[in-house]
């Protein structure tokens, strides 16, 4: 490593490494941010204001983690698992959704800072973690389809364009080396948008519309407590904790960081605090991303201080709505392709863990993984008319494929098909 964890590079290296982290962070914020912003508002100014808040909170969360949280070089971005919860509860209203994120953020922070995290970790066997990783990818399949076929034009063209772009990113990830390997998603967005508009025609970028008075408040108020939505997000936050633990442990082990137990506690605690802030601000909450080890290996820089310029850069983006409006012009088919690539990577991580941990040794262990995934996949494509017939209180739970998948894997692993070794333990 050119720079170790607590090294402070000079001004120019700090700026250059920070710029690289910022470039990698941008797609993480943009993809999830635009998808959720469009769910909440059809008005361009409302979507831009949502993205402004998102950039600001993500930048603050990243800087806080580096300075006071886990103190590791890990980038942060919107949690894809929370997108699943938002999609399931969108009909209930934004106030209920972000109140649930606020409440669950408090739960995560208390869990970490009160020393209860170790008790929760015992629940997560390899099979449960594998299912959670795969569930995220499977239950976002309808979103990917919706994005791919959002744009007007030939459906066959949209499909082939999306598949070729996703395949191109896989090929780029195989061929590129160094820092370029960590910019595959950004290059995919830029190249995909340019090629798409070259074929379909470039749009005219409208002048920025002034934000209406109803969209200018920064805080979500009043809060709205809905038991079904909160319980639904509780299961999403279980997956978020798994993701957070994996990211912290991966980077910590790679660079040989000390006091990993304390770093893990602080990291999860600060993610809880960041989700509290996100809930209050009415935006999707953050999580640390697992792509960081690849970036560290590519740059040879493990200094946590180089993420401070990246975090500040995200905060600065929040004050430039014109820049965000340009990002808002990314075609839906391109975002769908990028999400297809990212969820394929997510599924790959689950299958790698399946192989390493030898989690499937007989019929019962296979059923523990297979049944929850099939239930989630089935619920992901259930018609909206059927979901609407479910009583409102339990709809965010029963109608959420991810939540039902987590519930079933917990029941199968720890109660119904509990192995003899677990029973003795």
Protein backbone atom coordinates (compact mmCIF):
# COMPACT_ATOMS: atom_id res chain seq x y z
CA UNK A 1 0.00 0.00 0.00
CA UNK A 2 1.22 3.49 -0.85
CA UNK A 3 -0.77 4.86 2.08
CA UNK A 4 -1.96 2.90 5.10
CA UNK A 5 -5.15 3.37 7.11
CA UNK A 6 -4.16 6.38 9.22
CA UNK A 7 -1.68 7.98 6.80
CA UNK A 8 -2.41 11.54 5.68
CA UNK A 9 -1.34 12.11 2.05
CA UNK A 10 -0.27 15.54 0.84
CA UNK A 11 -2.74 18.01 -0.61
CA UNK A 12 -2.42 16.89 -4.24
CA UNK A 13 -2.54 13.09 -3.56
CA UNK A 14 -5.42 13.69 -1.13
CA UNK A 15 -7.34 15.54 -3.83
CA UNK A 16 -6.63 12.95 -6.55
CA UNK A 17 -7.51 9.93 -4.42
CA UNK A 18 -10.58 11.78 -3.10
CA UNK A 19 -11.62 12.51 -6.68
CA UNK A 20 -11.40 8.81 -7.52
CA UNK A 21 -13.56 7.86 -4.53
CA UNK A 22 -16.05 10.60 -5.47
CA UNK A 23 -16.28 9.33 -9.07
CA UNK A 24 -17.00 5.81 -7.82
CA UNK A 25 -19.57 7.12 -5.30
CA UNK A 26 -21.62 9.13 -7.82
CA UNK A 27 -23.27 6.15 -9.62
CA UNK A 28 -24.12 4.56 -6.25
CA UNK A 29 -26.12 7.63 -5.27
CA UNK A 30 -27.55 8.37 -8.71
CA UNK A 31 -29.09 5.00 -9.63
CA UNK A 32 -31.02 4.35 -6.42
CA UNK A 33 -31.73 8.06 -5.91
CA UNK A 34 -33.35 8.63 -9.29
CA UNK A 35 -35.45 5.46 -9.03
CA UNK A 36 -36.87 6.44 -5.63
CA UNK A 37 -37.27 10.11 -6.57
CA UNK A 38 -39.37 9.12 -9.58
CA UNK A 39 -41.50 6.87 -7.38
CA UNK A 40 -42.36 9.80 -5.12
CA UNK A 41 -42.79 12.59 -7.64
CA UNK A 42 -43.57 13.01 -11.33
CA UNK A 43 -42.52 16.65 -11.09
CA UNK A 44 -38.93 17.34 -12.22
CA UNK A 45 -38.29 19.90 -9.50
CA UNK A 46 -39.51 17.51 -6.80
CA UNK A 47 -37.19 14.78 -8.08
CA UNK A 48 -34.22 17.16 -8.15
CA UNK A 49 -34.89 18.36 -4.61
CA UNK A 50 -35.06 14.73 -3.42
CA UNK A 51 -31.67 14.10 -5.05
CA UNK A 52 -30.22 17.24 -3.44
CA UNK A 53 -31.17 15.96 0.00
CA UNK A 54 -29.82 12.50 -0.85
CA UNK A 55 -26.43 13.81 -1.97
CA UNK A 56 -26.15 15.94 1.17
CA UNK A 57 -27.00 13.17 3.63
CA UNK A 58 -24.79 10.58 1.87
CA UNK A 59 -21.84 12.98 1.98
CA UNK A 60 -22.39 13.70 5.67
CA UNK A 61 -22.75 9.98 6.47
CA UNK A 62 -19.55 9.06 4.59
CA UNK A 63 -17.51 11.78 6.32
CA UNK A 64 -18.91 10.87 9.76
CA UNK A 65 -18.08 7.18 9.29
CA UNK A 66 -14.50 7.93 8.25
CA UNK A 67 -13.85 10.33 11.14
CA UNK A 68 -15.89 8.87 14.02
CA UNK A 69 -17.62 5.63 12.91
CA UNK A 70 -15.75 2.55 11.74
CA UNK A 71 -12.84 4.79 10.57
CA UNK A 72 -12.22 2.65 7.51
CA UNK A 73 -11.97 3.56 3.80
CA UNK A 74 -15.45 2.42 2.75
CA UNK A 75 -17.77 4.29 0.40
CA UNK A 76 -21.40 4.72 1.30
CA UNK A 77 -24.58 4.89 -0.73
CA UNK A 78 -28.34 4.28 -0.69
CA UNK A 79 -29.28 0.77 0.49
CA UNK A 80 -30.89 -1.27 -2.29
CA UNK A 81 -32.68 -3.40 0.31
CA UNK A 82 -34.56 -0.30 1.51
CA UNK A 83 -35.76 0.26 -2.06
CA UNK A 84 -37.61 -3.05 -1.69
CA UNK A 85 -39.36 -1.76 1.43
CA UNK A 86 -40.25 1.52 -0.26
CA UNK A 87 -41.74 -0.27 -3.27
CA UNK A 88 -43.86 -2.49 -1.02
CA UNK A 89 -45.22 0.44 1.02
CA UNK A 90 -45.47 3.15 -1.64
CA UNK A 91 -49.27 3.07 -1.56
CA UNK A 92 -49.30 3.84 2.19
CA UNK A 93 -47.54 7.17 1.71
CA UNK A 94 -44.10 8.73 2.06
CA UNK A 95 -44.65 9.84 5.66
CA UNK A 96 -45.20 6.24 6.82
CA UNK A 97 -42.21 4.98 4.79
CA UNK A 98 -39.68 7.47 6.15
CA UNK A 99 -41.07 7.28 9.66
CA UNK A 100 -40.34 3.54 9.47
CA UNK A 101 -36.77 4.25 8.33
CA UNK A 102 -36.42 6.73 11.21
CA UNK A 103 -37.69 4.17 13.76
CA UNK A 104 -35.56 1.32 12.40
CA UNK A 105 -32.53 3.61 12.39
CA UNK A 106 -33.05 4.11 16.12
CA UNK A 107 -33.30 0.34 16.53
CA UNK A 108 -29.99 -0.26 14.69
CA UNK A 109 -28.18 2.48 16.65
CA UNK A 110 -29.41 1.12 20.00
CA UNK A 111 -28.54 -2.42 18.97
CA UNK A 112 -24.95 -1.39 18.28
CA UNK A 113 -24.27 1.11 21.06
CA UNK A 114 -25.95 -1.04 23.75
CA UNK A 115 -23.72 -4.02 22.97
CA UNK A 116 -26.50 -6.26 21.61
CA UNK A 117 -25.01 -6.72 18.15
CA UNK A 118 -23.20 -9.95 19.05
CA UNK A 119 -26.50 -11.60 20.03
CA UNK A 120 -28.03 -10.75 16.64
CA UNK A 121 -24.99 -12.03 14.75
CA UNK A 122 -25.58 -15.53 16.16
CA UNK A 123 -28.88 -15.72 14.25
CA UNK A 124 -27.24 -15.20 10.87
CA UNK A 125 -26.05 -18.61 9.74
CA UNK A 126 -24.37 -18.88 6.30
CA UNK A 127 -27.61 -20.16 4.72
CA UNK A 128 -29.60 -17.18 6.01
CA UNK A 129 -27.00 -14.70 4.75
CA UNK A 130 -26.95 -16.42 1.34
CA UNK A 131 -30.73 -16.21 1.07
CA UNK A 132 -30.74 -12.52 2.07
CA UNK A 133 -28.09 -11.69 -0.55
CA UNK A 134 -30.05 -13.50 -3.25
CA UNK A 135 -33.42 -12.13 -2.14
CA UNK A 136 -32.28 -8.55 -2.80
CA UNK A 137 -31.46 -9.43 -6.41
CA UNK A 138 -34.60 -11.51 -7.04
CA UNK A 139 -37.10 -9.07 -5.57
CA UNK A 140 -35.72 -6.14 -7.60
CA UNK A 141 -36.36 -7.99 -10.88
CA UNK A 142 -39.72 -6.21 -11.49
CA UNK A 143 -38.03 -2.82 -10.96
CA UNK A 144 -35.36 -3.72 -13.50
CA UNK A 145 -38.01 -4.72 -16.03
CA UNK A 146 -39.97 -1.53 -15.42
CA UNK A 147 -36.88 0.62 -15.94
CA UNK A 148 -35.86 -1.18 -19.12
CA UNK A 149 -39.26 -0.68 -20.72
CA UNK A 150 -39.89 2.83 -19.36
CA UNK A 151 -38.74 4.69 -22.46
CA UNK A 152 -40.99 4.97 -25.49
CA UNK A 153 -39.99 3.04 -28.57
CA UNK A 154 -39.57 -0.54 -29.67
CA UNK A 155 -39.74 -3.00 -26.77
CA UNK A 156 -37.37 -5.38 -28.56
CA UNK A 157 -34.83 -2.57 -28.99
CA UNK A 158 -35.04 -1.67 -25.28
CA UNK A 159 -34.52 -5.31 -24.28
CA UNK A 160 -31.56 -5.96 -26.57
CA UNK A 161 -29.98 -2.62 -25.68
CA UNK A 162 -30.25 -3.41 -21.96
CA UNK A 163 -28.81 -6.91 -22.34
CA UNK A 164 -25.92 -5.72 -24.52
CA UNK A 165 -25.09 -2.86 -22.15
CA UNK A 166 -25.12 -5.16 -19.11
CA UNK A 167 -22.99 -7.69 -20.98
CA UNK A 168 -20.61 -4.90 -21.97
CA UNK A 169 -20.15 -3.94 -18.30
CA UNK A 170 -19.41 -7.58 -17.42
CA UNK A 171 -16.82 -7.68 -20.24
CA UNK A 172 -15.31 -4.38 -19.08
CA UNK A 173 -15.06 -5.68 -15.53
CA UNK A 174 -13.17 -8.68 -16.90
CA UNK A 175 -10.74 -6.71 -19.09
CA UNK A 176 -10.08 -3.48 -17.18
CA UNK A 177 -7.33 -3.19 -14.59
CA UNK A 178 -6.44 -0.81 -11.78
CA UNK A 179 -8.68 2.14 -10.95
CA UNK A 180 -10.52 1.71 -14.25
CA UNK A 181 -12.01 -1.54 -12.99
CA UNK A 182 -13.80 0.37 -10.20
CA UNK A 183 -15.36 2.83 -12.69
CA UNK A 184 -17.25 0.21 -14.71
CA UNK A 185 -20.67 1.42 -13.50
CA UNK A 186 -19.85 5.08 -14.19
CA UNK A 187 -18.53 4.23 -17.65
CA UNK A 188 -21.63 2.14 -18.29
CA UNK A 189 -23.89 5.08 -17.42
CA UNK A 190 -21.94 7.56 -19.57
CA UNK A 191 -21.41 5.27 -22.56
CA UNK A 192 -24.92 3.79 -22.38
CA UNK A 193 -26.59 7.22 -22.24
CA UNK A 194 -24.49 8.55 -25.13
CA UNK A 195 -25.15 5.51 -27.35
CA UNK A 196 -28.87 5.47 -26.51
CA UNK A 197 -29.38 9.15 -27.28
CA UNK A 198 -27.24 8.84 -30.42
CA UNK A 199 -29.76 6.31 -31.70
CA UNK A 200 -32.99 7.78 -30.31
CA UNK A 201 -32.05 11.47 -30.48
CA UNK A 202 -30.64 13.76 -27.79
CA UNK A 203 -33.21 15.51 -25.56
CA UNK A 204 -33.25 19.23 -24.95
CA UNK A 205 -32.22 19.94 -21.37
CA UNK A 206 -34.94 22.23 -19.99
CA UNK A 207 -34.08 25.19 -17.83
CA UNK A 208 -34.23 24.45 -14.12
CA UNK A 209 -37.76 24.91 -12.82
CA UNK A 210 -37.95 26.83 -9.52
CA UNK A 211 -38.88 24.56 -6.63
CA UNK A 212 -42.50 25.01 -5.56
CA UNK A 213 -43.15 26.03 -1.98
CA UNK A 214 -44.46 22.57 -1.09
CA UNK A 215 -41.12 20.97 -1.99
CA UNK A 216 -38.72 23.35 -0.27
CA UNK A 217 -38.90 21.96 3.27
CA UNK A 218 -35.86 19.87 4.15
CA UNK A 219 -37.40 17.87 7.02
CA UNK A 220 -40.13 15.26 6.77
CA UNK A 221 -42.99 16.47 8.95
CA UNK A 222 -45.27 15.24 10.44
CA UNK A 223 -44.15 11.68 11.14
CA UNK A 224 -46.72 8.93 10.54
CA UNK A 225 -46.40 5.65 12.48
CA UNK A 226 -47.80 2.61 10.66
CA UNK A 227 -47.20 -0.73 12.40
CA UNK A 228 -47.25 -2.84 9.23
CA UNK A 229 -44.80 -0.61 7.40
CA UNK A 230 -42.44 -0.42 10.39
CA UNK A 231 -42.45 -4.22 10.75
CA UNK A 232 -41.81 -4.61 7.02
CA UNK A 233 -38.82 -2.27 7.19
CA UNK A 234 -37.57 -4.07 10.31
CA UNK A 235 -36.82 -7.13 8.17
CA UNK A 236 -35.21 -4.92 5.52
CA UNK A 237 -32.94 -3.47 8.20
CA UNK A 238 -31.91 -6.97 9.26
CA UNK A 239 -30.52 -7.38 5.73
CA UNK A 240 -28.97 -3.92 5.94
CA UNK A 241 -27.10 -4.96 9.11
CA UNK A 242 -25.83 -8.10 7.34
CA UNK A 243 -24.61 -5.95 4.44
CA UNK A 244 -22.95 -3.48 6.81
CA UNK A 245 -21.17 -6.19 8.80
CA UNK A 246 -19.90 -7.80 5.60
CA UNK A 247 -18.53 -4.53 4.21
CA UNK A 248 -16.74 -3.59 7.44
CA UNK A 249 -15.25 -7.05 7.94
CA UNK A 250 -14.10 -7.32 4.31
CA UNK A 251 -12.20 -4.03 4.36
CA UNK A 252 -10.90 -4.48 7.91
CA UNK A 253 -9.45 -7.91 7.15
CA UNK A 254 -7.96 -6.75 3.86
CA UNK A 255 -5.95 -3.88 5.34
CA UNK A 256 -5.30 -5.54 8.71
CA UNK A 257 -7.14 -2.94 10.80
CA UNK A 258 -6.96 -3.23 14.59
CA UNK A 259 -9.84 -3.18 17.12
CA UNK A 260 -12.27 -4.65 14.59
CA UNK A 261 -14.93 -5.37 17.21
CA UNK A 262 -15.01 -1.72 18.25
CA UNK A 263 -14.91 -0.55 14.62
CA UNK A 264 -17.83 -2.84 13.77
CA UNK A 265 -19.90 -1.56 16.69
CA UNK A 266 -19.26 2.08 15.81
CA UNK A 267 -19.82 1.46 12.09
CA UNK A 268 -23.22 -0.18 12.57
CA UNK A 269 -24.13 2.45 15.17
CA UNK A 270 -23.35 5.31 12.80
CA UNK A 271 -25.29 3.63 10.01
CA UNK A 272 -28.23 3.62 12.42
CA UNK A 273 -27.72 7.34 13.12
CA UNK A 274 -27.44 8.04 9.38
CA UNK A 275 -30.74 6.26 8.76
CA UNK A 276 -32.35 8.31 11.53
CA UNK A 277 -31.24 11.45 9.68
CA UNK A 278 -32.44 9.99 6.36
CA UNK A 279 -35.86 9.21 7.82
CA UNK A 280 -36.21 12.73 9.19
CA UNK A 281 -35.16 14.19 5.82
CA UNK A 282 -37.50 11.89 3.89
CA UNK A 283 -34.90 10.03 1.81
CA UNK A 284 -33.73 6.43 1.40
CA UNK A 285 -31.19 5.42 4.05
CA UNK A 286 -27.49 4.58 3.51
CA UNK A 287 -25.30 1.52 3.93
CA UNK A 288 -21.57 0.90 3.39
CA UNK A 289 -20.79 -0.71 0.03
CA UNK A 290 -18.81 -3.93 -0.38
CA UNK A 291 -16.99 -2.75 -3.53
CA UNK A 292 -14.44 -0.81 -1.46
CA UNK A 293 -11.77 -3.61 -1.22
CA UNK A 294 -11.48 -3.68 -5.01
CA UNK A 295 -10.92 0.07 -5.14
CA UNK A 296 -8.29 -0.07 -2.39
CA UNK A 297 -6.45 -2.85 -4.22
CA UNK A 298 -6.61 -0.93 -7.49
CA UNK A 299 -5.33 2.39 -6.11
CA UNK A 300 -2.91 1.06 -3.49
CA UNK A 301 -4.31 3.61 -1.05
CA UNK A 302 -5.98 2.52 2.20
CA UNK A 303 -5.96 5.95 3.87
CA UNK A 304 -9.35 6.72 5.34
CA UNK A 305 -8.68 10.45 5.06
CA UNK A 306 -8.89 10.34 1.25
CA UNK A 307 -12.64 9.71 1.58
CA UNK A 308 -13.16 13.07 3.28
CA UNK A 309 -12.84 15.02 -0.03
CA UNK A 310 -15.23 12.50 -1.62
CA UNK A 311 -17.79 13.00 1.15
CA UNK A 312 -17.47 16.77 0.94
CA UNK A 313 -17.82 16.49 -2.84
CA UNK A 314 -21.17 14.73 -2.43
CA UNK A 315 -22.33 17.49 -0.06
CA UNK A 316 -21.26 20.15 -2.58
CA UNK A 317 -23.31 18.37 -5.29
CA UNK A 318 -26.41 18.99 -3.16
CA UNK A 319 -26.03 22.73 -3.79
CA UNK A 320 -25.93 22.40 -7.60
CA UNK A 321 -29.40 21.39 -8.82
CA UNK A 322 -28.29 21.95 -12.43
CA UNK A 323 -25.76 19.13 -12.11
CA UNK A 324 -28.42 16.87 -10.62
CA UNK A 325 -30.83 17.77 -13.42
CA UNK A 326 -28.30 16.52 -15.95
CA UNK A 327 -28.06 13.24 -14.01
CA UNK A 328 -31.86 13.06 -14.07
CA UNK A 329 -31.71 12.74 -17.87
CA UNK A 330 -30.15 9.26 -17.73
CA UNK A 331 -32.46 6.99 -19.79
CA UNK A 332 -34.50 4.46 -17.85
CA UNK A 333 -33.16 1.59 -19.96
CA UNK A 334 -29.60 2.55 -18.96
CA UNK A 335 -30.50 2.62 -15.26
CA UNK A 336 -32.22 -0.75 -15.67
CA UNK A 337 -29.11 -2.19 -17.33
CA UNK A 338 -26.84 -0.90 -14.57
CA UNK A 339 -29.18 -2.29 -11.91
CA UNK A 340 -29.21 -5.63 -13.77
CA UNK A 341 -25.39 -5.67 -13.63
CA UNK A 342 -25.29 -4.68 -9.95
CA UNK A 343 -27.87 -7.28 -8.91
CA UNK A 344 -26.00 -9.93 -10.91
CA UNK A 345 -22.94 -9.01 -8.83
CA UNK A 346 -25.07 -9.29 -5.69
CA UNK A 347 -26.26 -12.74 -6.75
CA UNK A 348 -22.68 -13.72 -7.55
CA UNK A 349 -21.62 -12.82 -4.00
CA UNK A 350 -24.37 -15.07 -2.61
CA UNK A 351 -23.38 -18.00 -4.85
CA UNK A 352 -19.70 -17.59 -3.95
CA UNK A 353 -20.61 -17.77 -0.27
CA UNK A 354 -22.76 -20.84 -0.99
CA UNK A 355 -19.71 -22.55 -2.47
CA UNK A 356 -17.23 -21.45 0.22
CA UNK A 357 -19.43 -22.32 3.20
CA UNK A 358 -20.75 -25.60 1.68
CA UNK A 359 -24.18 -24.54 2.90
CA UNK A 360 -26.07 -27.19 0.90
CA UNK A 361 -25.24 -30.76 1.89
CA UNK A 362 -28.64 -32.50 1.68
CA UNK A 363 -32.27 -32.03 0.63
CA UNK A 364 -33.32 -30.09 3.75
CA UNK A 365 -30.45 -27.59 3.54
CA UNK A 366 -31.34 -27.03 -0.13
CA UNK A 367 -34.99 -26.43 0.74
CA UNK A 368 -33.99 -23.85 3.37
CA UNK A 369 -32.43 -21.81 0.56
CA UNK A 370 -34.72 -22.70 -2.34
CA UNK A 371 -38.19 -22.26 -0.81
CA UNK A 372 -37.74 -18.67 0.49
CA UNK A 373 -36.29 -17.64 -2.88
CA UNK A 374 -39.23 -19.14 -4.77
CA UNK A 375 -41.73 -17.46 -2.42
CA UNK A 376 -40.02 -14.10 -2.90
CA UNK A 377 -39.87 -14.50 -6.69
CA UNK A 378 -43.55 -15.45 -6.81
CA UNK A 379 -44.61 -12.46 -4.70
CA UNK A 380 -42.41 -10.11 -6.73
CA UNK A 381 -44.60 -10.74 -9.79
CA UNK A 382 -48.01 -11.03 -8.12
CA UNK A 383 -50.46 -8.62 -9.86
CA UNK A 384 -51.19 -5.40 -7.99
CA UNK A 385 -54.91 -6.22 -7.95
CA UNK A 386 -54.18 -9.30 -5.82
CA UNK A 387 -51.91 -7.36 -3.43
CA UNK A 388 -54.61 -4.69 -3.02
CA UNK A 389 -57.03 -7.32 -1.66
CA UNK A 390 -54.73 -8.07 1.29
CA UNK A 391 -55.75 -6.22 4.50
CA UNK A 392 -53.91 -2.89 4.71
CA UNK A 393 -52.17 -3.60 8.04
CA UNK A 394 -50.37 -6.75 6.86
CA UNK A 395 -50.01 -5.75 3.19
CA UNK A 396 -46.47 -4.30 3.59
CA UNK A 397 -45.40 -7.65 5.08
CA UNK A 398 -47.35 -10.31 3.14
CA UNK A 399 -47.07 -8.38 -0.12
CA UNK A 400 -43.31 -7.90 0.25
CA UNK A 401 -41.40 -10.78 -1.33
CA UNK A 402 -38.18 -9.89 0.46
CA UNK A 403 -39.79 -9.77 3.91
CA UNK A 404 -41.64 -13.06 3.39
CA UNK A 405 -38.45 -14.68 2.15
CA UNK A 406 -36.57 -13.59 5.28
CA UNK A 407 -39.39 -14.81 7.53
CA UNK A 408 -39.46 -18.24 5.86
CA UNK A 409 -35.69 -18.73 5.91
CA UNK A 410 -35.60 -17.87 9.62
CA UNK A 411 -38.44 -20.34 10.34
CA UNK A 412 -36.90 -23.11 8.26
CA UNK A 413 -33.33 -22.65 9.51
CA UNK A 414 -33.99 -22.19 13.22
CA UNK A 415 -37.29 -24.04 13.87
CA UNK A 416 -38.76 -26.34 11.22
CA UNK A 417 -35.62 -27.82 9.63
CA UNK A 418 -33.19 -27.12 12.44
CA UNK A 419 -30.12 -29.33 12.09
CA UNK A 420 -29.08 -31.73 14.90
CA UNK A 421 -25.89 -29.70 15.46
CA UNK A 422 -27.95 -26.54 16.05
CA UNK A 423 -30.26 -28.37 18.46
CA UNK A 424 -27.28 -29.63 20.50
CA UNK A 425 -25.80 -26.10 20.48
